[in-house]
N, C-alpha and C. Protein backbone atom coordinates (compact mmCIF):
# COMPACT_ATOMS: atom_id res chain seq x y z
N HIS A 1 97.14 87.28 100.15
CA HIS A 1 96.59 86.72 98.94
C HIS A 1 95.20 87.29 98.70
N ASP A 2 94.92 87.63 97.46
CA ASP A 2 93.60 88.13 97.08
C ASP A 2 92.76 86.94 96.60
N LEU A 3 92.04 86.32 97.53
CA LEU A 3 91.33 85.09 97.22
C LEU A 3 90.18 85.31 96.24
N ARG A 4 89.52 86.45 96.29
CA ARG A 4 88.45 86.73 95.32
C ARG A 4 89.01 86.79 93.91
N PHE A 5 90.14 87.45 93.76
CA PHE A 5 90.79 87.54 92.45
C PHE A 5 91.18 86.14 91.97
N ILE A 6 91.76 85.36 92.84
CA ILE A 6 92.18 84.00 92.49
C ILE A 6 90.98 83.18 92.04
N ASN A 7 89.86 83.28 92.76
CA ASN A 7 88.66 82.52 92.40
C ASN A 7 88.13 82.92 91.02
N ARG A 8 88.20 84.20 90.68
CA ARG A 8 87.74 84.65 89.36
C ARG A 8 88.68 84.22 88.25
N LEU A 9 89.96 84.18 88.53
CA LEU A 9 90.97 83.93 87.51
C LEU A 9 91.21 82.44 87.25
N CYS A 10 91.16 81.62 88.28
CA CYS A 10 91.62 80.23 88.18
C CYS A 10 90.47 79.23 88.23
N ASP A 11 90.63 78.15 87.48
CA ASP A 11 89.69 77.04 87.61
C ASP A 11 90.34 75.86 88.33
N ARG A 12 91.66 75.93 88.55
CA ARG A 12 92.39 74.92 89.32
C ARG A 12 93.36 75.64 90.25
N LEU A 13 93.60 75.04 91.42
CA LEU A 13 94.51 75.63 92.41
C LEU A 13 95.48 74.59 92.93
N CYS A 14 96.61 75.07 93.39
CA CYS A 14 97.57 74.27 94.14
C CYS A 14 97.88 75.08 95.39
N VAL A 15 97.56 74.55 96.56
CA VAL A 15 97.76 75.27 97.82
C VAL A 15 98.93 74.65 98.56
N MET A 16 99.84 75.51 99.01
CA MET A 16 101.02 75.06 99.74
C MET A 16 101.00 75.62 101.15
N ASP A 17 101.57 74.87 102.07
CA ASP A 17 101.76 75.30 103.45
C ASP A 17 103.17 74.91 103.86
N GLN A 18 103.96 75.88 104.21
CA GLN A 18 105.34 75.68 104.63
C GLN A 18 106.13 74.85 103.63
N GLY A 19 105.94 75.17 102.33
CA GLY A 19 106.70 74.53 101.27
C GLY A 19 106.18 73.18 100.81
N GLN A 20 105.06 72.72 101.37
CA GLN A 20 104.49 71.43 100.99
C GLN A 20 103.12 71.63 100.35
N VAL A 21 102.85 70.91 99.27
CA VAL A 21 101.53 70.95 98.65
C VAL A 21 100.56 70.23 99.57
N ILE A 22 99.48 70.93 99.96
CA ILE A 22 98.48 70.30 100.83
C ILE A 22 97.19 69.99 100.08
N ALA A 23 96.98 70.61 98.92
CA ALA A 23 95.79 70.33 98.12
C ALA A 23 96.00 70.88 96.72
N SER A 24 95.43 70.18 95.74
CA SER A 24 95.43 70.69 94.38
C SER A 24 94.24 70.09 93.66
N GLY A 25 93.73 70.84 92.69
CA GLY A 25 92.58 70.38 91.93
C GLY A 25 91.69 71.53 91.55
N GLU A 26 90.42 71.22 91.26
CA GLU A 26 89.47 72.26 90.90
C GLU A 26 89.27 73.20 92.08
N THR A 27 89.11 74.48 91.76
CA THR A 27 89.06 75.53 92.78
C THR A 27 88.05 75.22 93.88
N GLU A 28 86.83 74.87 93.52
CA GLU A 28 85.78 74.61 94.52
C GLU A 28 86.18 73.46 95.44
N ASP A 29 86.77 72.41 94.89
CA ASP A 29 87.17 71.26 95.70
C ASP A 29 88.30 71.62 96.66
N VAL A 30 89.26 72.40 96.18
CA VAL A 30 90.40 72.78 97.02
C VAL A 30 89.93 73.61 98.21
N TRP A 31 89.02 74.58 97.99
CA TRP A 31 88.55 75.42 99.10
C TRP A 31 87.75 74.63 100.12
N ARG A 32 87.21 73.47 99.74
CA ARG A 32 86.46 72.62 100.68
C ARG A 32 87.36 71.65 101.44
N ASP A 33 88.60 71.53 101.04
CA ASP A 33 89.53 70.59 101.67
C ASP A 33 89.79 71.01 103.13
N PRO A 34 89.59 70.10 104.09
CA PRO A 34 89.78 70.44 105.51
C PRO A 34 91.17 70.98 105.83
N ARG A 35 92.20 70.50 105.13
CA ARG A 35 93.56 71.00 105.38
C ARG A 35 93.69 72.45 104.95
N VAL A 36 93.08 72.81 103.83
CA VAL A 36 93.13 74.19 103.35
C VAL A 36 92.35 75.09 104.30
N ILE A 37 91.20 74.64 104.73
CA ILE A 37 90.39 75.42 105.68
C ILE A 37 91.18 75.66 106.95
N GLU A 38 91.84 74.64 107.46
CA GLU A 38 92.61 74.79 108.70
C GLU A 38 93.75 75.80 108.54
N VAL A 39 94.45 75.76 107.41
CA VAL A 39 95.58 76.65 107.19
C VAL A 39 95.12 78.10 106.98
N TYR A 40 94.04 78.31 106.23
CA TYR A 40 93.62 79.67 105.88
C TYR A 40 92.62 80.28 106.85
N VAL A 41 91.83 79.45 107.55
CA VAL A 41 90.77 79.99 108.41
C VAL A 41 91.01 79.66 109.87
N GLY A 42 91.59 78.53 110.13
CA GLY A 42 91.74 78.03 111.49
C GLY A 42 91.24 76.61 111.50
N GLN A 43 90.93 76.09 112.65
CA GLN A 43 90.52 74.69 112.78
C GLN A 43 89.28 74.41 111.95
N SER A 44 89.29 73.30 111.18
CA SER A 44 88.14 72.93 110.36
C SER A 44 87.06 72.31 111.23
N GLU A 45 85.82 72.31 110.72
CA GLU A 45 84.69 71.77 111.46
C GLU A 45 84.78 70.26 111.62
N THR A 46 85.52 69.57 110.75
CA THR A 46 85.60 68.11 110.80
C THR A 46 86.59 67.62 111.83
N ALA A 47 87.37 68.50 112.42
CA ALA A 47 88.39 68.10 113.39
C ALA A 47 87.79 67.85 114.76
């Protein structure tokens, strides 16, 4: 996925993991979601 392109193009996102929606909403809020961070980066800092 080209995340920079997505950030420029979209003002809302829906993120899925293994066929399940794990977050949706405004782009900035979705990227801050601990579940999204865990799936895309690894373990979140809040865990």
